N, C-alpha and C. Protein backbone atom coordinates (compact mmCIF):
# COMPACT_ATOMS: atom_id res chain seq x y z
N MET A 1 34.78 9.64 -46.89
CA MET A 1 34.32 9.76 -45.52
C MET A 1 34.84 11.07 -44.93
N GLN A 2 33.95 11.81 -44.30
CA GLN A 2 34.31 13.10 -43.73
C GLN A 2 34.69 12.91 -42.27
N SER A 3 35.73 13.57 -41.82
CA SER A 3 36.21 13.46 -40.44
C SER A 3 35.74 14.66 -39.63
N ASN A 4 35.45 14.43 -38.34
CA ASN A 4 35.07 15.50 -37.43
C ASN A 4 36.28 16.09 -36.72
N ILE A 5 37.45 15.61 -37.03
CA ILE A 5 38.65 16.12 -36.39
C ILE A 5 38.84 17.58 -36.78
N GLY A 6 39.05 18.41 -35.79
CA GLY A 6 39.27 19.82 -36.04
C GLY A 6 38.00 20.66 -36.01
N ILE A 7 36.84 20.01 -35.97
CA ILE A 7 35.59 20.76 -35.90
C ILE A 7 35.29 21.07 -34.44
N ASN A 8 34.99 22.31 -34.17
CA ASN A 8 34.68 22.73 -32.82
C ASN A 8 33.21 22.43 -32.53
N MET A 9 32.94 21.50 -31.62
CA MET A 9 31.58 21.11 -31.27
C MET A 9 31.19 21.77 -29.95
N SER A 10 29.96 22.19 -29.83
CA SER A 10 29.44 22.73 -28.58
C SER A 10 28.73 21.63 -27.81
N THR A 11 28.53 21.86 -26.54
CA THR A 11 27.79 20.93 -25.71
C THR A 11 26.37 21.46 -25.55
N PHE A 12 25.40 20.60 -25.80
CA PHE A 12 24.00 20.95 -25.64
C PHE A 12 23.38 20.00 -24.63
N SER A 13 22.65 20.56 -23.69
CA SER A 13 22.05 19.74 -22.65
C SER A 13 20.75 20.36 -22.19
N GLN A 14 19.75 19.54 -21.97
CA GLN A 14 18.46 20.01 -21.45
C GLN A 14 17.93 18.88 -20.56
N VAL A 15 18.27 18.94 -19.29
CA VAL A 15 17.85 17.93 -18.33
C VAL A 15 16.99 18.63 -17.28
N PHE A 16 15.73 18.23 -17.21
CA PHE A 16 14.80 18.83 -16.26
C PHE A 16 14.77 17.99 -14.99
N ILE A 17 14.91 18.65 -13.85
CA ILE A 17 14.94 17.97 -12.56
C ILE A 17 13.93 18.63 -11.62
N HIS A 18 13.12 17.79 -11.00
CA HIS A 18 12.17 18.22 -9.97
C HIS A 18 12.80 17.88 -8.62
N ILE A 19 13.10 18.90 -7.83
CA ILE A 19 13.77 18.74 -6.53
C ILE A 19 12.75 19.00 -5.43
N VAL A 20 12.76 18.16 -4.41
CA VAL A 20 11.86 18.31 -3.27
C VAL A 20 12.66 18.11 -1.99
N PHE A 21 12.52 19.04 -1.04
CA PHE A 21 13.09 18.81 0.29
C PHE A 21 12.25 19.50 1.35
N SER A 22 12.40 19.00 2.58
CA SER A 22 11.55 19.44 3.69
C SER A 22 12.36 20.11 4.78
N THR A 23 11.62 20.78 5.64
CA THR A 23 12.23 21.29 6.87
C THR A 23 12.51 20.09 7.77
N GLN A 24 13.45 20.28 8.70
CA GLN A 24 13.77 19.20 9.63
C GLN A 24 12.53 18.80 10.41
N ASN A 25 12.30 17.50 10.51
CA ASN A 25 11.14 16.93 11.20
C ASN A 25 9.81 17.39 10.60
N ARG A 26 9.87 17.89 9.38
CA ARG A 26 8.68 18.43 8.69
C ARG A 26 7.98 19.51 9.51
N ASP A 27 8.78 20.27 10.25
CA ASP A 27 8.23 21.38 11.04
C ASP A 27 7.56 22.39 10.12
N ALA A 28 6.37 22.82 10.46
CA ALA A 28 5.59 23.75 9.65
C ALA A 28 6.00 25.19 9.97
N VAL A 29 7.17 25.60 9.48
CA VAL A 29 7.75 26.90 9.85
C VAL A 29 7.94 27.86 8.67
N LEU A 30 7.68 27.41 7.46
CA LEU A 30 7.85 28.27 6.28
C LEU A 30 6.55 29.04 6.06
N HIS A 31 6.41 30.15 6.77
CA HIS A 31 5.15 30.88 6.80
C HIS A 31 4.93 31.70 5.53
N LYS A 32 3.67 31.79 5.15
CA LYS A 32 3.26 32.49 3.93
C LYS A 32 3.75 33.93 3.88
N GLU A 33 3.83 34.59 5.03
CA GLU A 33 4.20 36.01 5.07
C GLU A 33 5.56 36.28 4.43
N TRP A 34 6.47 35.32 4.50
CA TRP A 34 7.82 35.54 3.96
C TRP A 34 8.27 34.46 2.98
N ARG A 35 7.41 33.51 2.67
CA ARG A 35 7.79 32.41 1.79
C ARG A 35 8.16 32.88 0.39
N ASP A 36 7.45 33.88 -0.17
CA ASP A 36 7.80 34.39 -1.50
C ASP A 36 9.21 34.99 -1.51
N ARG A 37 9.58 35.65 -0.44
CA ARG A 37 10.95 36.18 -0.33
C ARG A 37 11.97 35.04 -0.34
N LEU A 38 11.64 33.95 0.36
CA LEU A 38 12.51 32.77 0.36
C LEU A 38 12.63 32.20 -1.05
N TYR A 39 11.51 32.09 -1.76
CA TYR A 39 11.55 31.57 -3.12
C TYR A 39 12.42 32.45 -4.02
N ASN A 40 12.28 33.75 -3.90
CA ASN A 40 13.11 34.66 -4.71
C ASN A 40 14.59 34.51 -4.37
N TYR A 41 14.90 34.33 -3.11
CA TYR A 41 16.30 34.12 -2.70
C TYR A 41 16.82 32.81 -3.30
N MET A 42 16.00 31.77 -3.25
CA MET A 42 16.39 30.48 -3.84
C MET A 42 16.60 30.59 -5.35
N ILE A 43 15.71 31.30 -6.02
CA ILE A 43 15.83 31.49 -7.46
C ILE A 43 17.17 32.16 -7.79
N ALA A 44 17.53 33.18 -7.02
CA ALA A 44 18.81 33.87 -7.25
C ALA A 44 19.98 32.92 -7.07
N ILE A 45 19.94 32.08 -6.05
CA ILE A 45 21.02 31.10 -5.82
C ILE A 45 21.12 30.14 -7.00
N ILE A 46 19.98 29.62 -7.42
CA ILE A 46 19.96 28.66 -8.53
C ILE A 46 20.48 29.29 -9.81
N GLN A 47 20.03 30.51 -10.10
CA GLN A 47 20.50 31.19 -11.31
C GLN A 47 21.97 31.56 -11.22
N ASN A 48 22.45 31.92 -10.05
CA ASN A 48 23.88 32.21 -9.88
C ASN A 48 24.73 30.98 -10.11
N ASN A 49 24.13 29.80 -9.97
CA ASN A 49 24.82 28.54 -10.25
C ASN A 49 24.55 28.04 -11.66
N LYS A 50 23.97 28.92 -12.50
CA LYS A 50 23.78 28.72 -13.93
C LYS A 50 22.69 27.73 -14.33
N HIS A 51 21.82 27.37 -13.39
CA HIS A 51 20.67 26.54 -13.72
C HIS A 51 19.51 27.47 -14.07
N LYS A 52 18.51 26.94 -14.76
CA LYS A 52 17.33 27.72 -15.10
C LYS A 52 16.16 27.24 -14.24
N VAL A 53 15.45 28.16 -13.62
CA VAL A 53 14.31 27.84 -12.77
C VAL A 53 13.02 27.96 -13.58
N TYR A 54 12.20 26.92 -13.52
CA TYR A 54 10.91 26.93 -14.19
C TYR A 54 9.76 27.14 -13.21
N ALA A 55 9.92 26.63 -11.99
CA ALA A 55 8.87 26.80 -10.98
C ALA A 55 9.46 26.54 -9.61
N ILE A 56 8.90 27.23 -8.62
CA ILE A 56 9.25 26.99 -7.23
C ILE A 56 7.98 27.21 -6.41
N GLY A 57 7.75 26.32 -5.47
CA GLY A 57 6.56 26.42 -4.64
C GLY A 57 6.65 25.45 -3.49
N GLY A 58 5.67 25.50 -2.62
CA GLY A 58 5.69 24.59 -1.49
C GLY A 58 4.63 24.94 -0.48
N THR A 59 4.84 24.45 0.73
CA THR A 59 3.93 24.70 1.83
C THR A 59 4.76 25.07 3.05
N THR A 60 4.17 24.97 4.21
CA THR A 60 4.86 25.36 5.44
C THR A 60 6.00 24.42 5.82
N ASP A 61 6.05 23.21 5.20
CA ASP A 61 7.08 22.26 5.62
C ASP A 61 7.96 21.69 4.50
N HIS A 62 7.75 22.12 3.27
CA HIS A 62 8.61 21.60 2.20
C HIS A 62 8.57 22.50 0.96
N ILE A 63 9.58 22.27 0.09
CA ILE A 63 9.78 23.08 -1.12
C ILE A 63 9.86 22.15 -2.33
N HIS A 64 9.28 22.60 -3.44
CA HIS A 64 9.43 21.94 -4.75
C HIS A 64 10.09 22.93 -5.69
N ILE A 65 11.03 22.46 -6.50
CA ILE A 65 11.70 23.31 -7.48
C ILE A 65 11.85 22.53 -8.78
N LEU A 66 11.52 23.14 -9.89
CA LEU A 66 11.77 22.54 -11.20
C LEU A 66 12.83 23.37 -11.89
N ILE A 67 13.92 22.72 -12.27
CA ILE A 67 15.02 23.40 -12.96
C ILE A 67 15.41 22.63 -14.21
N SER A 68 16.13 23.32 -15.09
CA SER A 68 16.92 22.61 -16.09
C SER A 68 18.35 22.74 -15.58
N GLN A 69 19.01 21.61 -15.50
CA GLN A 69 20.30 21.52 -14.84
C GLN A 69 21.44 21.97 -15.73
N TYR A 70 22.29 22.83 -15.17
CA TYR A 70 23.53 23.21 -15.84
C TYR A 70 24.48 22.02 -15.73
N PRO A 71 25.08 21.58 -16.84
CA PRO A 71 25.80 20.32 -16.85
C PRO A 71 27.02 20.19 -15.93
N SER A 72 27.65 21.30 -15.55
CA SER A 72 28.89 21.15 -14.79
C SER A 72 28.70 21.14 -13.27
N GLN A 73 27.46 21.23 -12.80
CA GLN A 73 27.21 21.15 -11.36
C GLN A 73 26.22 20.04 -11.09
N THR A 74 26.52 19.22 -10.10
CA THR A 74 25.61 18.13 -9.76
C THR A 74 24.45 18.64 -8.91
N ILE A 75 23.39 17.87 -8.89
CA ILE A 75 22.23 18.21 -8.06
C ILE A 75 22.62 18.19 -6.57
N PRO A 76 23.38 17.21 -6.08
CA PRO A 76 23.78 17.26 -4.67
C PRO A 76 24.55 18.54 -4.31
N GLU A 77 25.40 19.01 -5.22
CA GLU A 77 26.12 20.27 -4.97
C GLU A 77 25.15 21.44 -4.88
N LEU A 78 24.21 21.52 -5.82
CA LEU A 78 23.24 22.61 -5.82
C LEU A 78 22.37 22.59 -4.56
N VAL A 79 21.85 21.42 -4.20
CA VAL A 79 20.97 21.32 -3.03
C VAL A 79 21.74 21.69 -1.76
N ALA A 80 22.99 21.27 -1.65
CA ALA A 80 23.80 21.63 -0.48
C ALA A 80 23.96 23.15 -0.37
N ILE A 81 24.23 23.80 -1.48
CA ILE A 81 24.36 25.26 -1.50
C ILE A 81 23.03 25.92 -1.13
N LEU A 82 21.94 25.45 -1.72
CA LEU A 82 20.61 26.00 -1.43
C LEU A 82 20.29 25.90 0.06
N LYS A 83 20.49 24.73 0.62
CA LYS A 83 20.16 24.53 2.04
C LYS A 83 21.06 25.37 2.94
N ARG A 84 22.34 25.38 2.66
CA ARG A 84 23.28 26.16 3.48
C ARG A 84 22.95 27.65 3.44
N ASP A 85 22.80 28.18 2.24
CA ASP A 85 22.60 29.62 2.09
C ASP A 85 21.23 30.07 2.58
N THR A 86 20.19 29.27 2.34
CA THR A 86 18.86 29.67 2.81
C THR A 86 18.73 29.52 4.31
N SER A 87 19.37 28.54 4.90
CA SER A 87 19.35 28.40 6.37
C SER A 87 19.95 29.64 7.01
N LYS A 88 21.08 30.05 6.48
CA LYS A 88 21.75 31.25 6.98
C LYS A 88 20.85 32.48 6.79
N TRP A 89 20.24 32.60 5.62
CA TRP A 89 19.37 33.74 5.30
C TRP A 89 18.15 33.78 6.23
N ILE A 90 17.54 32.63 6.47
CA ILE A 90 16.37 32.56 7.37
C ILE A 90 16.77 33.01 8.77
N LYS A 91 17.93 32.56 9.24
CA LYS A 91 18.40 32.93 10.58
C LYS A 91 18.73 34.42 10.65
N GLU A 92 19.43 34.93 9.64
CA GLU A 92 19.80 36.35 9.63
C GLU A 92 18.58 37.27 9.61
N ASN A 93 17.53 36.85 8.92
CA ASN A 93 16.30 37.65 8.84
C ASN A 93 15.34 37.39 10.00
N ARG A 94 15.71 36.49 10.87
CA ARG A 94 14.93 36.17 12.08
C ARG A 94 13.47 35.83 11.78
N PHE A 95 13.29 35.07 10.71
CA PHE A 95 11.94 34.63 10.36
C PHE A 95 11.43 33.57 11.33
N ILE A 96 12.36 32.83 11.92
CA ILE A 96 12.02 31.76 12.85
C ILE A 96 12.77 32.03 14.15
N LEU A 97 12.06 32.00 15.26
CA LEU A 97 12.67 32.36 16.54
C LEU A 97 13.51 31.23 17.14
N HIS A 98 13.20 29.99 16.80
CA HIS A 98 13.99 28.87 17.30
C HIS A 98 14.95 28.38 16.22
N ARG A 99 15.70 27.35 16.52
CA ARG A 99 16.68 26.80 15.58
C ARG A 99 15.98 26.33 14.30
N PHE A 100 16.56 26.64 13.15
CA PHE A 100 16.01 26.21 11.87
C PHE A 100 17.00 25.30 11.16
N ALA A 101 16.46 24.26 10.51
CA ALA A 101 17.29 23.38 9.68
C ALA A 101 16.41 22.71 8.63
N TRP A 102 17.03 22.37 7.52
CA TRP A 102 16.38 21.55 6.50
C TRP A 102 16.64 20.09 6.85
N GLN A 103 15.81 19.19 6.33
CA GLN A 103 16.06 17.76 6.50
C GLN A 103 17.39 17.41 5.83
N GLU A 104 17.97 16.28 6.21
CA GLU A 104 19.26 15.88 5.63
C GLU A 104 19.16 15.56 4.15
N GLY A 105 18.17 14.82 3.74
CA GLY A 105 18.10 14.37 2.35
C GLY A 105 17.22 15.24 1.48
N TYR A 106 16.93 14.73 0.31
CA TYR A 106 16.07 15.41 -0.65
C TYR A 106 15.65 14.40 -1.70
N GLY A 107 14.68 14.77 -2.51
CA GLY A 107 14.32 13.96 -3.66
C GLY A 107 14.64 14.72 -4.93
N SER A 108 15.11 14.02 -5.93
CA SER A 108 15.30 14.64 -7.24
C SER A 108 14.81 13.66 -8.30
N PHE A 109 13.98 14.17 -9.19
CA PHE A 109 13.29 13.32 -10.15
C PHE A 109 13.41 13.93 -11.54
N SER A 110 13.77 13.11 -12.51
CA SER A 110 13.85 13.60 -13.88
C SER A 110 12.45 13.83 -14.41
N VAL A 111 12.32 14.81 -15.28
CA VAL A 111 11.03 15.17 -15.84
C VAL A 111 11.16 15.23 -17.36
N SER A 112 10.24 14.58 -18.04
CA SER A 112 10.20 14.62 -19.50
C SER A 112 9.79 16.01 -19.97
N TYR A 113 10.36 16.44 -21.07
CA TYR A 113 10.01 17.73 -21.65
C TYR A 113 8.50 17.86 -21.88
N THR A 114 7.87 16.76 -22.26
CA THR A 114 6.43 16.80 -22.55
C THR A 114 5.58 17.00 -21.29
N LEU A 115 6.17 16.84 -20.11
CA LEU A 115 5.41 16.99 -18.86
C LEU A 115 5.76 18.27 -18.10
N ILE A 116 6.55 19.14 -18.70
CA ILE A 116 7.00 20.36 -18.02
C ILE A 116 5.82 21.19 -17.50
N ASN A 117 4.84 21.46 -18.34
CA ASN A 117 3.71 22.29 -17.91
C ASN A 117 2.91 21.64 -16.79
N THR A 118 2.77 20.33 -16.83
CA THR A 118 2.06 19.60 -15.77
C THR A 118 2.80 19.75 -14.45
N VAL A 119 4.11 19.59 -14.47
CA VAL A 119 4.91 19.70 -13.25
C VAL A 119 4.91 21.15 -12.73
N ILE A 120 5.02 22.11 -13.62
CA ILE A 120 4.96 23.52 -13.21
C ILE A 120 3.64 23.81 -12.49
N ASN A 121 2.53 23.37 -13.07
CA ASN A 121 1.22 23.59 -12.44
C ASN A 121 1.13 22.89 -11.09
N TYR A 122 1.67 21.69 -11.01
CA TYR A 122 1.68 20.94 -9.76
C TYR A 122 2.45 21.71 -8.68
N ILE A 123 3.62 22.21 -9.03
CA ILE A 123 4.46 22.94 -8.07
C ILE A 123 3.80 24.24 -7.64
N LEU A 124 3.22 24.96 -8.57
CA LEU A 124 2.63 26.26 -8.24
C LEU A 124 1.31 26.14 -7.46
N ASN A 125 0.75 24.94 -7.39
CA ASN A 125 -0.50 24.74 -6.66
C ASN A 125 -0.33 23.83 -5.45
N GLN A 126 0.81 23.92 -4.79
CA GLN A 126 1.09 23.06 -3.64
C GLN A 126 0.11 23.26 -2.49
N GLU A 127 -0.23 24.49 -2.18
CA GLU A 127 -1.15 24.74 -1.06
C GLU A 127 -2.46 23.99 -1.27
N GLU A 128 -3.00 24.11 -2.46
CA GLU A 128 -4.26 23.43 -2.78
C GLU A 128 -4.10 21.92 -2.77
N HIS A 129 -3.02 21.44 -3.35
CA HIS A 129 -2.76 20.00 -3.43
C HIS A 129 -2.69 19.37 -2.03
N HIS A 130 -2.10 20.08 -1.09
CA HIS A 130 -1.89 19.50 0.24
C HIS A 130 -3.09 19.65 1.17
N ILE A 131 -4.18 20.11 0.66
CA ILE A 131 -5.42 20.09 1.45
C ILE A 131 -5.83 18.63 1.65
N THR A 132 -5.58 17.79 0.66
CA THR A 132 -6.02 16.40 0.71
C THR A 132 -4.89 15.38 0.85
N LYS A 133 -3.62 15.80 0.75
CA LYS A 133 -2.51 14.84 0.79
C LYS A 133 -1.37 15.41 1.62
N SER A 134 -0.88 14.64 2.59
CA SER A 134 0.23 15.10 3.42
C SER A 134 1.52 15.09 2.61
N SER A 135 2.52 15.86 3.07
CA SER A 135 3.80 15.89 2.37
C SER A 135 4.48 14.54 2.43
N LYS A 136 4.29 13.80 3.52
CA LYS A 136 4.87 12.45 3.63
C LYS A 136 4.24 11.52 2.59
N ASP A 137 2.92 11.56 2.47
CA ASP A 137 2.23 10.74 1.46
C ASP A 137 2.67 11.13 0.05
N GLU A 138 2.90 12.42 -0.14
CA GLU A 138 3.33 12.91 -1.45
C GLU A 138 4.68 12.31 -1.83
N ILE A 139 5.65 12.35 -0.91
CA ILE A 139 6.98 11.83 -1.23
C ILE A 139 6.94 10.32 -1.44
N ILE A 140 6.11 9.62 -0.68
CA ILE A 140 5.95 8.17 -0.88
C ILE A 140 5.42 7.89 -2.28
N SER A 141 4.45 8.69 -2.73
CA SER A 141 3.90 8.47 -4.08
C SER A 141 4.95 8.76 -5.15
N PHE A 142 5.80 9.77 -4.95
CA PHE A 142 6.90 10.04 -5.89
C PHE A 142 7.87 8.86 -5.94
N LEU A 143 8.25 8.38 -4.78
CA LEU A 143 9.21 7.27 -4.73
C LEU A 143 8.66 6.04 -5.42
N LYS A 144 7.40 5.75 -5.18
CA LYS A 144 6.77 4.59 -5.84
C LYS A 144 6.65 4.81 -7.34
N LYS A 145 6.22 6.01 -7.74
CA LYS A 145 6.05 6.32 -9.16
C LYS A 145 7.36 6.16 -9.94
N TYR A 146 8.47 6.57 -9.32
CA TYR A 146 9.77 6.49 -9.98
C TYR A 146 10.52 5.19 -9.69
N GLY A 147 9.86 4.24 -8.99
CA GLY A 147 10.47 2.94 -8.74
C GLY A 147 11.68 2.99 -7.84
N ILE A 148 11.67 3.90 -6.85
CA ILE A 148 12.80 4.07 -5.94
C ILE A 148 12.54 3.30 -4.66
N ASP A 149 13.45 2.38 -4.32
CA ASP A 149 13.34 1.67 -3.06
C ASP A 149 13.65 2.63 -1.91
N PHE A 150 12.92 2.47 -0.80
CA PHE A 150 13.15 3.37 0.34
C PHE A 150 12.80 2.66 1.63
N ASP A 151 13.42 3.13 2.69
CA ASP A 151 13.13 2.64 4.03
C ASP A 151 12.23 3.68 4.69
N PRO A 152 11.02 3.31 5.08
CA PRO A 152 10.08 4.28 5.67
C PRO A 152 10.62 5.03 6.88
N LYS A 153 11.60 4.47 7.58
CA LYS A 153 12.12 5.16 8.77
C LYS A 153 12.86 6.46 8.39
N TYR A 154 13.24 6.61 7.10
CA TYR A 154 13.92 7.82 6.66
C TYR A 154 12.98 8.87 6.11
N LEU A 155 11.69 8.61 6.17
CA LEU A 155 10.73 9.57 5.66
C LEU A 155 10.27 10.49 6.77
């Protein structure tokens, strides 16, 4: 019998997470004129935290991000950093004249490797997708699809 004692093993991880969060009260304030700059800023934050970004997109009131998660940072830690830093960035750049905030919560959903391209296409086509479906209806369908219990008053 061969022993693994003394063998240096590496850690391998590939966990895909689809993150969704909205502006406070779903205010439609993420305007197209500067949204790509916001996405690039978010990508830099995510990469600085050692996660890999596969797609980022959204509409005037919410953001979708697909990442592969770096194992030593939790999703709540990453989302807190994203919201804090982007709120500050939006205010500093004066993109919004009134008070800006993200909603308190967020959604995070695991994604199978076999569905990566489907999710990427979904995220990159948010504007088109939301012609027929509200962001509230979208999150309800995610929660139901993933079997997550929820109280509608928090949506």
